C-alpha atoms as a PDB file:
ATOM      1  CA  MET A   1       0.000   0.000   0.000  1.00  0.00           C
ATOM      2  CA  ASN A   2       1.494   3.358  -0.966  1.00  0.00           C
ATOM      3  CA  LEU A   3       0.707   6.882   0.179  1.00  0.00           C
ATOM      4  CA  LEU A   4      -1.607   7.608  -2.748  1.00  0.00           C
ATOM      5  CA  ASP A   5      -3.657   4.483  -1.984  1.00  0.00           C
ATOM      6  CA  GLU A   6      -3.871   5.417   1.696  1.00  0.00           C
ATOM      7  CA  VAL A   7      -4.955   8.993   0.952  1.00  0.00           C
ATOM      8  CA  LYS A   8      -7.615   7.776  -1.487  1.00  0.00           C
ATOM      9  CA  LYS A   9      -8.880   5.224   1.036  1.00  0.00           C
ATOM     10  CA  ARG A  10      -9.162   7.865   3.761  1.00  0.00           C
ATOM     11  CA  LEU A  11     -10.957  10.243   1.389  1.00  0.00           C
ATOM     12  CA  ALA A  12     -13.256   7.446   0.143  1.00  0.00           C
ATOM     13  CA  LEU A  13     -12.071   7.864  -3.454  1.00  0.00           C
ATOM     14  CA  THR A  14     -11.772   5.130  -6.054  1.00  0.00           C
ATOM     15  CA  GLY A  15     -10.401   5.025  -9.565  1.00  0.00           C
ATOM     16  CA  GLU A  16      -7.452   6.916 -10.979  1.00  0.00           C
ATOM     17  CA  TYR A  17      -9.095  10.072 -12.322  1.00  0.00           C
ATOM     18  CA  HIS A  18      -7.865  12.346  -9.499  1.00  0.00           C
ATOM     19  CA  ASP A  19      -4.465  10.708  -8.960  1.00  0.00           C
ATOM     20  CA  SER A  20      -2.414  13.580 -10.413  1.00  0.00           C
ATOM     21  CA  LEU A  21      -4.314  16.159  -8.359  1.00  0.00           C
ATOM     22  CA  LEU A  22      -4.002  14.086  -5.189  1.00  0.00           C
ATOM     23  CA  LEU A  23      -0.277  13.558  -5.710  1.00  0.00           C
ATOM     24  CA  GLY A  24       0.242  17.276  -6.265  1.00  0.00           C
ATOM     25  CA  LEU A  25      -1.675  18.120  -3.114  1.00  0.00           C
ATOM     26  CA  ALA A  26       0.233  15.455  -1.151  1.00  0.00           C
ATOM     27  CA  GLU A  27       3.502  17.000  -2.326  1.00  0.00           C
ATOM     28  CA  ASP A  28       2.310  20.432  -1.162  1.00  0.00           C
ATOM     29  CA  VAL A  29       1.319  18.988   2.218  1.00  0.00           C
ATOM     30  CA  LYS A  30       4.652  17.232   2.649  1.00  0.00           C
ATOM     31  CA  GLN A  31       6.522  20.437   1.775  1.00  0.00           C
ATOM     32  CA  TYR A  32       4.450  22.344   4.336  1.00  0.00           C
ATOM     33  CA  MET A  33       5.329  19.737   6.960  1.00  0.00           C
ATOM     34  CA  LEU A  34       9.035  19.968   6.152  1.00  0.00           C
ATOM     35  CA  SER A  35       8.927  23.770   6.282  1.00  0.00           C
ATOM     36  CA  ALA A  36       7.179  23.539   9.662  1.00  0.00           C
ATOM     37  CA  GLY A  37      10.090  21.535  11.050  1.00  0.00           C
ATOM     38  CA  VAL A  38       8.959  17.920  10.694  1.00  0.00           C
ATOM     39  CA  GLU A  39      11.999  15.763   9.928  1.00  0.00           C
ATOM     40  CA  GLN A  40      12.150  14.226   6.436  1.00  0.00           C
ATOM     41  CA  SER A  41      12.223  10.710   7.899  1.00  0.00           C
ATOM     42  CA  VAL A  42       9.047  11.422   9.884  1.00  0.00           C
ATOM     43  CA  VAL A  43       7.284  12.906   6.831  1.00  0.00           C
ATOM     44  CA  ASP A  44       8.217   9.783   4.872  1.00  0.00           C
ATOM     45  CA  SER A  45       7.047   7.422   7.630  1.00  0.00           C
ATOM     46  CA  LYS A  46       3.694   5.781   8.224  1.00  0.00           C
ATOM     47  CA  LEU A  47       3.186   8.103  11.207  1.00  0.00           C
ATOM     48  CA  SER A  48       2.420  10.906   8.752  1.00  0.00           C
ATOM     49  CA  ILE A  49      -0.177   9.196   6.553  1.00  0.00           C
ATOM     50  CA  GLY A  50      -3.190  10.491   8.479  1.00  0.00           C
ATOM     51  CA  CYS A  51      -1.779  13.990   8.651  1.00  0.00           C
ATOM     52  CA  ILE A  52      -0.980  14.028   4.948  1.00  0.00           C
ATOM     53  CA  ALA A  53      -4.456  12.709   4.080  1.00  0.00           C
ATOM     54  CA  ARG A  54      -6.054  15.406   6.254  1.00  0.00           C
ATOM     55  CA  GLY A  55      -3.922  18.087   4.624  1.00  0.00           C
ATOM     56  CA  VAL A  56      -4.877  16.846   1.146  1.00  0.00           C
ATOM     57  CA  GLN A  57      -8.551  16.929   2.091  1.00  0.00           C
ATOM     58  CA  ASP A  58      -8.198  20.434   3.522  1.00  0.00           C
ATOM     59  CA  LEU A  59      -6.505  21.803   0.411  1.00  0.00           C
ATOM     60  CA  TRP A  60      -8.934  20.066  -1.921  1.00  0.00           C
ATOM     61  CA  THR A  61     -12.113  21.141  -0.136  1.00  0.00           C
ATOM     62  CA  LYS A  62     -11.230  24.355   1.712  1.00  0.00           C
ATOM     63  CA  GLU A  63      -8.011  25.563   0.076  1.00  0.00           C
ATOM     64  CA  SER A  64      -6.557  26.154   3.547  1.00  0.00           C
ATOM     65  CA  PHE A  65      -5.318  23.940   6.354  1.00  0.00           C
ATOM     66  CA  SER A  66      -7.589  23.078   9.270  1.00  0.00           C
ATOM     67  CA  ASP A  67      -6.617  23.530  12.907  1.00  0.00           C
ATOM     68  CA  ILE A  68      -6.533  19.743  13.412  1.00  0.00           C
ATOM     69  CA  PHE A  69      -4.014  19.394  10.565  1.00  0.00           C
ATOM     70  CA  LYS A  70      -1.827  22.164  11.972  1.00  0.00           C
ATOM     71  CA  GLN A  71      -1.954  20.635  15.465  1.00  0.00           C
ATOM     72  CA  ARG A  72      -0.910  17.242  14.098  1.00  0.00           C
ATOM     73  CA  VAL A  73       1.996  18.840  12.218  1.00  0.00           C
ATOM     74  CA  ILE A  74       3.145  20.430  15.472  1.00  0.00           C
ATOM     75  CA  GLN A  75       2.959  17.041  17.197  1.00  0.00           C
ATOM     76  CA  LEU A  76       5.004  15.452  14.409  1.00  0.00           C
ATOM     77  CA  THR A  77       7.776  18.045  14.842  1.00  0.00           C
ATOM     78  CA  PHE A  78       8.492  16.410  18.221  1.00  0.00           C
ATOM     79  CA  GLU A  79       8.484  12.850  16.876  1.00  0.00           C
ATOM     80  CA  PRO A  80      11.842  11.111  17.242  1.00  0.00           C
ATOM     81  CA  GLU A  81      13.416   9.728  14.077  1.00  0.00           C
ATOM     82  CA  THR A  82      14.216   6.259  15.402  1.00  0.00           C
ATOM     83  CA  ASP A  83      12.615   3.037  14.130  1.00  0.00           C
ATOM     84  CA  LEU A  84      10.154   4.624  11.724  1.00  0.00           C
ATOM     85  CA  GLU A  85       8.391   2.450   9.167  1.00  0.00           C
ATOM     86  CA  LEU A  86       8.649   4.196   5.806  1.00  0.00           C
ATOM     87  CA  ILE A  87       5.776   4.650   3.392  1.00  0.00           C
ATOM     88  CA  PRO A  88       6.348   2.596   0.224  1.00  0.00           C
ATOM     89  CA  ASP A  89       7.318   4.612  -2.839  1.00  0.00           C
ATOM     90  CA  LEU A  90       4.606   6.553  -4.588  1.00  0.00           C
ATOM     91  CA  LEU A  91       4.028   5.200  -8.059  1.00  0.00           C
ATOM     92  CA  VAL A  92       2.274   7.044 -10.842  1.00  0.00           C
ATOM     93  CA  ALA A  93       1.369   5.371 -14.118  1.00  0.00           C
ATOM     94  CA  ASP A  94       3.093   7.007 -17.070  1.00  0.00           C
ATOM     95  CA  SER A  95       0.263   8.179 -19.298  1.00  0.00           C
ATOM     96  CA  GLU A  96       2.097   7.449 -22.556  1.00  0.00           C
ATOM     97  CA  GLU A  97       3.848   4.161 -21.917  1.00  0.00           C
ATOM     98  CA  GLY A  98       1.912   2.689 -19.007  1.00  0.00           C
ATOM     99  CA  ASP A  99       5.111   2.262 -16.992  1.00  0.00           C
ATOM    100  CA  ALA A 100       5.343   3.326 -13.376  1.00  0.00           C
ATOM    101  CA  GLU A 101       7.441   6.321 -12.424  1.00  0.00           C
ATOM    102  CA  ASP A 102       8.886   6.741  -8.932  1.00  0.00           C
ATOM    103  CA  VAL A 103       7.982  10.239  -7.753  1.00  0.00           C
ATOM    104  CA  SER A 104       9.244  10.039  -4.170  1.00  0.00           C
ATOM    105  CA  HIS A 105      12.831  10.843  -3.406  1.00  0.00           C
ATOM    106  CA  SER A 106      14.339  11.278   0.028  1.00  0.00           C
ATOM    107  CA  SER A 107      15.878  14.594  -1.025  1.00  0.00           C
ATOM    108  CA  ASP A 108      12.611  15.852  -2.532  1.00  0.00           C
ATOM    109  CA  ILE A 109       9.314  16.703  -0.852  1.00  0.00           C
END
């Protein structure tokens, strides 16, 4: 299960129609978290899935972050980096060739 699948499950979405939008919003959310002081390893861990999903929902429906999202980001800034289970790589189907493209990089978002 990758981050995109988890976000879609938490937002009760099926199909692939919104995948590009959801990935873009997830990238924005992850960048916000990093800028707020959450360590890269925490952002990339399973601890952040709920927070990222909430941030995606906020941006998609309200175009601003909710207080609950911001509070969770603050909590995650205090999360230690040890023994974190990483989220599997995000995969996006290449529209022309049907191949998968890895869009998550530890040095990126």
